Amino acid sequence: MIFYPYDLESYQATRGLWEPYDQLVPGPIACTTAEIIDLIKTGSFDAGSIEAFSRTWNTYSAGHSSRDLVQYLREQDEKKGRMYG
């Protein structure tokens, strides 16, 4: 995972973060396209950090969120008597 927070300063000024961004994200932070390319080429990633981040932030995700949402919406429409092809 590479993080490209192009609007980080603006976001921090208007909304804020509960901890420093560089301590929150599990991967390298890039501020330019050149940095993204360099990070991809060097492959500097820490799989352990990414797995820990995923366990924390994706606790309830089984990898099918979009499908589950569409299924839920269709079920709600069916309950209301609407049908879509």
PDB file of N, CA and C in Angstrom:
ATOM      1  N   MET A   1       0.845  -1.172   0.000  1.00  0.00           N
ATOM      2  CA  MET A   1       0.000   0.000   0.000  1.00  0.00           C
ATOM      3  C   MET A   1       0.896   1.243   0.000  1.00  0.00           C
ATOM      4  N   ILE A   2       0.595   2.123  -0.888  1.00  0.00           N
ATOM      5  CA  ILE A   2       1.270   3.423  -0.923  1.00  0.00           C
ATOM      6  C   ILE A   2       0.187   4.468  -0.665  1.00  0.00           C
ATOM      7  N   PHE A   3       0.477   5.385   0.192  1.00  0.00           N
ATOM      8  CA  PHE A   3      -0.496   6.423   0.528  1.00  0.00           C
ATOM      9  C   PHE A   3      -0.093   7.733  -0.124  1.00  0.00           C
ATOM     10  N   TYR A   4      -1.041   8.324  -0.837  1.00  0.00           N
ATOM     11  CA  TYR A   4      -0.826   9.561  -1.582  1.00  0.00           C
ATOM     12  C   TYR A   4      -1.827  10.607  -1.086  1.00  0.00           C
ATOM     13  N   PRO A   5      -1.545  11.206   0.057  1.00  0.00           N
ATOM     14  CA  PRO A   5      -2.480  12.173   0.646  1.00  0.00           C
ATOM     15  C   PRO A   5      -2.274  13.587   0.094  1.00  0.00           C
ATOM     16  N   TYR A   6      -2.632  13.765  -1.175  1.00  0.00           N
ATOM     17  CA  TYR A   6      -2.414  15.043  -1.844  1.00  0.00           C
ATOM     18  C   TYR A   6      -3.087  16.210  -1.124  1.00  0.00           C
ATOM     19  N   ASP A   7      -4.135  15.934  -0.356  1.00  0.00           N
ATOM     20  CA  ASP A   7      -4.872  16.995   0.336  1.00  0.00           C
ATOM     21  C   ASP A   7      -4.696  16.934   1.855  1.00  0.00           C
ATOM     22  N   LEU A   8      -3.614  16.335   2.319  1.00  0.00           N
ATOM     23  CA  LEU A   8      -3.424  16.113   3.748  1.00  0.00           C
ATOM     24  C   LEU A   8      -3.443  17.408   4.553  1.00  0.00           C
ATOM     25  N   GLU A   9      -2.724  18.423   4.106  1.00  0.00           N
ATOM     26  CA  GLU A   9      -2.686  19.686   4.867  1.00  0.00           C
ATOM     27  C   GLU A   9      -4.075  20.297   4.987  1.00  0.00           C
ATOM     28  N   SER A  10      -4.815  20.306   3.902  1.00  0.00           N
ATOM     29  CA  SER A  10      -6.168  20.861   3.911  1.00  0.00           C
ATOM     30  C   SER A  10      -7.081  20.038   4.817  1.00  0.00           C
ATOM     31  N   TYR A  11      -6.968  18.724   4.728  1.00  0.00           N
ATOM     32  CA  TYR A  11      -7.799  17.832   5.545  1.00  0.00           C
ATOM     33  C   TYR A  11      -7.499  18.039   7.028  1.00  0.00           C
ATOM     34  N   GLN A  12      -6.231  18.111   7.373  1.00  0.00           N
ATOM     35  CA  GLN A  12      -5.856  18.318   8.774  1.00  0.00           C
ATOM     36  C   GLN A  12      -6.370  19.657   9.288  1.00  0.00           C
ATOM     37  N   ALA A  13      -6.323  20.673   8.445  1.00  0.00           N
ATOM     38  CA  ALA A  13      -6.765  22.004   8.859  1.00  0.00           C
ATOM     39  C   ALA A  13      -8.279  22.072   9.049  1.00  0.00           C
ATOM     40  N   THR A  14      -9.032  21.325   8.225  1.00  0.00           N
ATOM     41  CA  THR A  14     -10.488  21.433   8.295  1.00  0.00           C
ATOM     42  C   THR A  14     -11.154  20.338   9.114  1.00  0.00           C
ATOM     43  N   ARG A  15     -10.607  19.130   9.083  1.00  0.00           N
ATOM     44  CA  ARG A  15     -11.248  18.012   9.779  1.00  0.00           C
ATOM     45  C   ARG A  15     -10.394  17.453  10.899  1.00  0.00           C
ATOM     46  N   GLY A  16      -9.101  17.362  10.671  1.00  0.00           N
ATOM     47  CA  GLY A  16      -8.188  16.856  11.679  1.00  0.00           C
ATOM     48  C   GLY A  16      -8.086  15.335  11.687  1.00  0.00           C
ATOM     49  N   LEU A  17      -7.072  14.843  12.351  1.00  0.00           N
ATOM     50  CA  LEU A  17      -6.834  13.415  12.516  1.00  0.00           C
ATOM     51  C   LEU A  17      -6.595  13.136  13.985  1.00  0.00           C
ATOM     52  N   TRP A  18      -6.887  11.922  14.441  1.00  0.00           N
ATOM     53  CA  TRP A  18      -6.734  11.610  15.860  1.00  0.00           C
ATOM     54  C   TRP A  18      -5.324  11.193  16.227  1.00  0.00           C
ATOM     55  N   GLU A  19      -4.489  10.966  15.221  1.00  0.00           N
ATOM     56  CA  GLU A  19      -3.080  10.698  15.478  1.00  0.00           C
ATOM     57  C   GLU A  19      -2.298  11.122  14.245  1.00  0.00           C
ATOM     58  N   PRO A  20      -0.999  11.299  14.362  1.00  0.00           N
ATOM     59  CA  PRO A  20      -0.215  11.725  13.199  1.00  0.00           C
ATOM     60  C   PRO A  20      -0.387  10.750  12.027  1.00  0.00           C
ATOM     61  N   TYR A  21      -0.602  11.295  10.849  1.00  0.00           N
ATOM     62  CA  TYR A  21      -0.891  10.495   9.660  1.00  0.00           C
ATOM     63  C   TYR A  21       0.186   9.451   9.398  1.00  0.00           C
ATOM     64  N   ASP A  22       1.434   9.836   9.556  1.00  0.00           N
ATOM     65  CA  ASP A  22       2.512   8.892   9.263  1.00  0.00           C
ATOM     66  C   ASP A  22       2.549   7.721  10.241  1.00  0.00           C
ATOM     67  N   GLN A  23       1.904   7.857  11.393  1.00  0.00           N
ATOM     68  CA  GLN A  23       1.822   6.756  12.350  1.00  0.00           C
ATOM     69  C   GLN A  23       0.548   5.931  12.149  1.00  0.00           C
ATOM     70  N   LEU A  24      -0.411   6.490  11.443  1.00  0.00           N
ATOM     71  CA  LEU A  24      -1.695   5.827  11.215  1.00  0.00           C
ATOM     72  C   LEU A  24      -1.638   4.842  10.050  1.00  0.00           C
ATOM     73  N   VAL A  25      -0.991   5.222   8.973  1.00  0.00           N
ATOM     74  CA  VAL A  25      -0.990   4.392   7.765  1.00  0.00           C
ATOM     75  C   VAL A  25       0.131   3.356   7.798  1.00  0.00           C
ATOM     76  N   PRO A  26      -0.121   2.168   7.211  1.00  0.00           N
ATOM     77  CA  PRO A  26       0.849   1.077   7.287  1.00  0.00           C
ATOM     78  C   PRO A  26       1.856   1.019   6.153  1.00  0.00           C
ATOM     79  N   GLY A  27       1.875   2.033   5.325  1.00  0.00           N
ATOM     80  CA  GLY A  27       2.797   1.987   4.196  1.00  0.00           C
ATOM     81  C   GLY A  27       3.465   3.316   3.989  1.00  0.00           C
ATOM     82  N   PRO A  28       4.330   3.366   3.003  1.00  0.00           N
ATOM     83  CA  PRO A  28       5.037   4.616   2.723  1.00  0.00           C
ATOM     84  C   PRO A  28       4.074   5.693   2.214  1.00  0.00           C
ATOM     85  N   ILE A  29       4.427   6.938   2.488  1.00  0.00           N
ATOM     86  CA  ILE A  29       3.635   8.088   2.057  1.00  0.00           C
ATOM     87  C   ILE A  29       4.377   8.764   0.913  1.00  0.00           C
ATOM     88  N   ALA A  30       3.672   9.003  -0.170  1.00  0.00           N
ATOM     89  CA  ALA A  30       4.250   9.674  -1.330  1.00  0.00           C
ATOM     90  C   ALA A  30       3.546  11.006  -1.531  1.00  0.00           C
ATOM     91  N   CYS A  31       4.320  12.007  -1.868  1.00  0.00           N
ATOM     92  CA  CYS A  31       3.740  13.337  -2.092  1.00  0.00           C
ATOM     93  C   CYS A  31       3.773  13.741  -3.560  1.00  0.00           C
ATOM     94  N   THR A  32       4.465  12.952  -4.382  1.00  0.00           N
ATOM     95  CA  THR A  32       4.545  13.245  -5.809  1.00  0.00           C
ATOM     96  C   THR A  32       4.420  11.945  -6.599  1.00  0.00           C
ATOM     97  N   THR A  33       4.128  12.090  -7.876  1.00  0.00           N
ATOM     98  CA  THR A  33       4.051  10.923  -8.747  1.00  0.00           C
ATOM     99  C   THR A  33       5.409  10.232  -8.826  1.00  0.00           C
ATOM    100  N   ALA A  34       6.473  11.013  -8.863  1.00  0.00           N
ATOM    101  CA  ALA A  34       7.822  10.435  -8.920  1.00  0.00           C
ATOM    102  C   ALA A  34       8.095   9.563  -7.687  1.00  0.00           C
ATOM    103  N   GLU A  35       7.639   9.997  -6.525  1.00  0.00           N
ATOM    104  CA  GLU A  35       7.824   9.203  -5.316  1.00  0.00           C
ATOM    105  C   GLU A  35       7.026   7.902  -5.386  1.00  0.00           C
ATOM    106  N   ILE A  36       5.834   7.958  -5.947  1.00  0.00           N
ATOM    107  CA  ILE A  36       5.026   6.744  -6.100  1.00  0.00           C
ATOM    108  C   ILE A  36       5.758   5.747  -6.993  1.00  0.00           C
ATOM    109  N   ILE A  37       6.260   6.221  -8.110  1.00  0.00           N
ATOM    110  CA  ILE A  37       6.986   5.357  -9.048  1.00  0.00           C
ATOM    111  C   ILE A  37       8.202   4.748  -8.371  1.00  0.00           C
ATOM    112  N   ASP A  38       8.948   5.549  -7.650  1.00  0.00           N
ATOM    113  CA  ASP A  38      10.143   5.049  -6.959  1.00  0.00           C
ATOM    114  C   ASP A  38       9.782   3.989  -5.926  1.00  0.00           C
ATOM    115  N   LEU A  39       8.702   4.215  -5.176  1.00  0.00           N
ATOM    116  CA  LEU A  39       8.273   3.241  -4.168  1.00  0.00           C
ATOM    117  C   LEU A  39       7.848   1.921  -4.811  1.00  0.00           C
ATOM    118  N   ILE A  40       7.187   2.000  -5.951  1.00  0.00           N
ATOM    119  CA  ILE A  40       6.795   0.782  -6.659  1.00  0.00           C
ATOM    120  C   ILE A  40       8.036   0.033  -7.144  1.00  0.00           C
ATOM    121  N   LYS A  41       8.984   0.773  -7.690  1.00  0.00           N
ATOM    122  CA  LYS A  41      10.200   0.137  -8.211  1.00  0.00           C
ATOM    123  C   LYS A  41      11.033  -0.504  -7.114  1.00  0.00           C
ATOM    124  N   THR A  42      11.117   0.145  -5.962  1.00  0.00           N
ATOM    125  CA  THR A  42      11.957  -0.394  -4.886  1.00  0.00           C
ATOM    126  C   THR A  42      11.227  -1.439  -4.051  1.00  0.00           C
ATOM    127  N   GLY A  43       9.911  -1.452  -4.120  1.00  0.00           N
ATOM    128  CA  GLY A  43       9.132  -2.448  -3.391  1.00  0.00           C
ATOM    129  C   GLY A  43       9.323  -2.386  -1.889  1.00  0.00           C
ATOM    130  N   SER A  44       9.433  -1.164  -1.350  1.00  0.00           N
ATOM    131  CA  SER A  44       9.637  -1.023   0.095  1.00  0.00           C
ATOM    132  C   SER A  44       8.307  -1.056   0.838  1.00  0.00           C
ATOM    133  N   PHE A  45       7.839  -2.273   1.119  1.00  0.00           N
ATOM    134  CA  PHE A  45       6.575  -2.445   1.816  1.00  0.00           C
ATOM    135  C   PHE A  45       6.766  -3.395   2.984  1.00  0.00           C
ATOM    136  N   ASP A  46       6.004  -3.170   4.030  1.00  0.00           N
ATOM    137  CA  ASP A  46       6.067  -4.030   5.209  1.00  0.00           C
ATOM    138  C   ASP A  46       4.742  -4.780   5.306  1.00  0.00           C
ATOM    139  N   ALA A  47       4.736  -6.039   4.851  1.00  0.00           N
ATOM    140  CA  ALA A  47       3.513  -6.835   4.816  1.00  0.00           C
ATOM    141  C   ALA A  47       2.892  -6.986   6.201  1.00  0.00           C
ATOM    142  N   GLY A  48       3.703  -7.083   7.236  1.00  0.00           N
ATOM    143  CA  GLY A  48       3.178  -7.221   8.601  1.00  0.00           C
ATOM    144  C   GLY A  48       2.371  -6.015   9.023  1.00  0.00           C
ATOM    145  N   SER A  49       2.850  -4.836   8.695  1.00  0.00           N
ATOM    146  CA  SER A  49       2.118  -3.606   9.033  1.00  0.00           C
ATOM    147  C   SER A  49       0.796  -3.526   8.280  1.00  0.00           C
ATOM    148  N   ILE A  50       0.821  -3.943   7.030  1.00  0.00           N
ATOM    149  CA  ILE A  50      -0.398  -3.912   6.217  1.00  0.00           C
ATOM    150  C   ILE A  50      -1.430  -4.894   6.774  1.00  0.00           C
ATOM    151  N   GLU A  51      -0.991  -6.077   7.162  1.00  0.00           N
ATOM    152  CA  GLU A  51      -1.908  -7.069   7.728  1.00  0.00           C
ATOM    153  C   GLU A  51      -2.517  -6.572   9.043  1.00  0.00           C
ATOM    154  N   ALA A  52      -1.704  -5.950   9.891  1.00  0.00           N
ATOM    155  CA  ALA A  52      -2.214  -5.417  11.162  1.00  0.00           C
ATOM    156  C   ALA A  52      -3.226  -4.299  10.904  1.00  0.00           C
ATOM    157  N   PHE A  53      -2.925  -3.430   9.958  1.00  0.00           N
ATOM    158  CA  PHE A  53      -3.830  -2.341   9.578  1.00  0.00           C
ATOM    159  C   PHE A  53      -5.156  -2.912   9.085  1.00  0.00           C
ATOM    160  N   SER A  54      -5.082  -3.932   8.255  1.00  0.00           N
ATOM    161  CA  SER A  54      -6.281  -4.551   7.712  1.00  0.00           C
ATOM    162  C   SER A  54      -7.122  -5.186   8.818  1.00  0.00           C
ATOM    163  N   ARG A  55      -6.494  -5.844   9.757  1.00  0.00           N
ATOM    164  CA  ARG A  55      -7.243  -6.451  10.865  1.00  0.00           C
ATOM    165  C   ARG A  55      -7.971  -5.382  11.681  1.00  0.00           C
ATOM    166  N   THR A  56      -7.333  -4.237  11.860  1.00  0.00           N
ATOM    167  CA  THR A  56      -7.935  -3.153  12.636  1.00  0.00           C
ATOM    168  C   THR A  56      -9.069  -2.473  11.886  1.00  0.00           C
ATOM    169  N   TRP A  57      -8.839  -2.132  10.621  1.00  0.00           N
ATOM    170  CA  TRP A  57      -9.779  -1.299   9.885  1.00  0.00           C
ATOM    171  C   TRP A  57     -10.761  -2.079   9.009  1.00  0.00           C
ATOM    172  N   ASN A  58     -10.550  -3.357   8.817  1.00  0.00           N
ATOM    173  CA  ASN A  58     -11.447  -4.149   7.969  1.00  0.00           C
ATOM    174  C   ASN A  58     -12.041  -5.325   8.735  1.00  0.00           C
ATOM    175  N   THR A  59     -12.245  -5.139  10.011  1.00  0.00           N
ATOM    176  CA  THR A  59     -12.752  -6.201  10.873  1.00  0.00           C
ATOM    177  C   THR A  59     -14.016  -6.844  10.325  1.00  0.00           C
ATOM    178  N   TYR A  60     -14.920  -6.045   9.810  1.00  0.00           N
ATOM    179  CA  TYR A  60     -16.206  -6.562   9.372  1.00  0.00           C
ATOM    180  C   TYR A  60     -16.302  -6.750   7.865  1.00  0.00           C
ATOM    181  N   SER A  61     -15.217  -6.608   7.170  1.00  0.00           N
ATOM    182  CA  SER A  61     -15.225  -6.749   5.720  1.00  0.00           C
ATOM    183  C   SER A  61     -14.776  -8.144   5.319  1.00  0.00           C
ATOM    184  N   ALA A  62     -15.592  -8.788   4.493  1.00  0.00           N
ATOM    185  CA  ALA A  62     -15.247 -10.116   3.998  1.00  0.00           C
ATOM    186  C   ALA A  62     -14.838 -10.057   2.531  1.00  0.00           C
ATOM    187  N   GLY A  63     -14.694  -8.839   2.012  1.00  0.00           N
ATOM    188  CA  GLY A  63     -14.272  -8.685   0.630  1.00  0.00           C
ATOM    189  C   GLY A  63     -15.403  -8.668  -0.385  1.00  0.00           C
ATOM    190  N   HIS A  64     -16.630  -8.545   0.079  1.00  0.00           N
ATOM    191  CA  HIS A  64     -17.779  -8.577  -0.829  1.00  0.00           C
ATOM    192  C   HIS A  64     -18.733  -7.414  -0.557  1.00  0.00           C
ATOM    193  N   SER A  65     -18.204  -6.292  -0.132  1.00  0.00           N
ATOM    194  CA  SER A  65     -19.056  -5.180   0.291  1.00  0.00           C
ATOM    195  C   SER A  65     -19.971  -4.666  -0.808  1.00  0.00           C
ATOM    196  N   SER A  66     -19.457  -4.483  -2.013  1.00  0.00           N
ATOM    197  CA  SER A  66     -20.291  -3.963  -3.105  1.00  0.00           C
ATOM    198  C   SER A  66     -21.406  -4.934  -3.441  1.00  0.00           C
ATOM    199  N   ARG A  67     -21.066  -6.212  -3.555  1.00  0.00           N
ATOM    200  CA  ARG A  67     -22.074  -7.228  -3.854  1.00  0.00           C
ATOM    201  C   ARG A  67     -23.143  -7.268  -2.763  1.00  0.00           C
ATOM    202  N   ASP A  68     -22.713  -7.235  -1.514  1.00  0.00           N
ATOM    203  CA  ASP A  68     -23.649  -7.294  -0.397  1.00  0.00           C
ATOM    204  C   ASP A  68     -24.568  -6.081  -0.365  1.00  0.00           C
ATOM    205  N   LEU A  69     -24.025  -4.910  -0.687  1.00  0.00           N
ATOM    206  CA  LEU A  69     -24.853  -3.703  -0.719  1.00  0.00           C
ATOM    207  C   LEU A  69     -25.907  -3.794  -1.809  1.00  0.00           C
ATOM    208  N   VAL A  70     -25.520  -4.220  -3.005  1.00  0.00           N
ATOM    209  CA  VAL A  70     -26.485  -4.352  -4.104  1.00  0.00           C
ATOM    210  C   VAL A  70     -27.558  -5.373  -3.737  1.00  0.00           C
ATOM    211  N   GLN A  71     -27.149  -6.486  -3.156  1.00  0.00           N
ATOM    212  CA  GLN A  71     -28.104  -7.510  -2.747  1.00  0.00           C
ATOM    213  C   GLN A  71     -29.083  -6.947  -1.713  1.00  0.00           C
ATOM    214  N   TYR A  72     -28.588  -6.210  -0.753  1.00  0.00           N
ATOM    215  CA  TYR A  72     -29.448  -5.608   0.275  1.00  0.00           C
ATOM    216  C   TYR A  72     -30.451  -4.642  -0.362  1.00  0.00           C
ATOM    217  N   LEU A  73     -29.967  -3.783  -1.266  1.00  0.00           N
ATOM    218  CA  LEU A  73     -30.854  -2.807  -1.900  1.00  0.00           C
ATOM    219  C   LEU A  73     -31.936  -3.505  -2.717  1.00  0.00           C
ATOM    220  N   ARG A  74     -31.563  -4.562  -3.424  1.00  0.00           N
ATOM    221  CA  ARG A  74     -32.563  -5.315  -4.196  1.00  0.00           C
ATOM    222  C   ARG A  74     -33.602  -5.945  -3.268  1.00  0.00           C
ATOM    223  N   GLU A  75     -33.148  -6.501  -2.168  1.00  0.00           N
ATOM    224  CA  GLU A  75     -34.081  -7.101  -1.209  1.00  0.00           C
ATOM    225  C   GLU A  75     -35.051  -6.062  -0.666  1.00  0.00           C
ATOM    226  N   GLN A  76     -34.544  -4.856  -0.401  1.00  0.00           N
ATOM    227  CA  GLN A  76     -35.420  -3.797   0.100  1.00  0.00           C
ATOM    228  C   GLN A  76     -36.454  -3.407  -0.953  1.00  0.00           C
ATOM    229  N   ASP A  77     -36.023  -3.339  -2.214  1.00  0.00           N
ATOM    230  CA  ASP A  77     -36.966  -3.026  -3.292  1.00  0.00           C
ATOM    231  C   ASP A  77     -38.004  -4.128  -3.450  1.00  0.00           C
ATOM    232  N   GLU A  78     -37.582  -5.376  -3.325  1.00  0.00           N
ATOM    233  CA  GLU A  78     -38.529  -6.480  -3.449  1.00  0.00           C
ATOM    234  C   GLU A  78     -39.575  -6.420  -2.350  1.00  0.00           C
ATOM    235  N   LYS A  79     -39.161  -6.033  -1.162  1.00  0.00           N
ATOM    236  CA  LYS A  79     -40.105  -5.895  -0.048  1.00  0.00           C
ATOM    237  C   LYS A  79     -41.136  -4.812  -0.338  1.00  0.00           C
ATOM    238  N   LYS A  80     -40.721  -3.809  -1.108  1.00  0.00           N
ATOM    239  CA  LYS A  80     -41.623  -2.715  -1.460  1.00  0.00           C
ATOM    240  C   LYS A  80     -42.388  -3.013  -2.747  1.00  0.00           C
ATOM    241  N   GLY A  81     -42.135  -4.180  -3.348  1.00  0.00           N
ATOM    242  CA  GLY A  81     -42.859  -4.566  -4.552  1.00  0.00           C
ATOM    243  C   GLY A  81     -42.242  -4.067  -5.830  1.00  0.00           C
ATOM    244  N   ARG A  82     -41.023  -3.558  -5.789  1.00  0.00           N
ATOM    245  CA  ARG A  82     -40.355  -3.093  -7.013  1.00  0.00           C
ATOM    246  C   ARG A  82     -39.421  -4.190  -7.496  1.00  0.00           C
ATOM    247  N   MET A  83     -39.326  -4.317  -8.787  1.00  0.00           N
ATOM    248  CA  MET A  83     -38.408  -5.313  -9.370  1.00  0.00           C
ATOM    249  C   MET A  83     -37.571  -4.623 -10.446  1.00  0.00           C
ATOM    250  N   TYR A  84     -36.305  -4.921 -10.462  1.00  0.00           N
ATOM    251  CA  TYR A  84     -35.404  -4.386 -11.474  1.00  0.00           C
ATOM    252  C   TYR A  84     -34.699  -5.544 -12.149  1.00  0.00           C
ATOM    253  N   GLY A  85     -34.434  -5.403 -13.449  1.00  0.00           N
ATOM    254  CA  GLY A  85     -33.779  -6.464 -14.235  1.00  0.00           C
ATOM    255  C   GLY A  85     -32.337  -6.429 -14.019  1.00  0.00           C
TER     256      GLY A  85
END
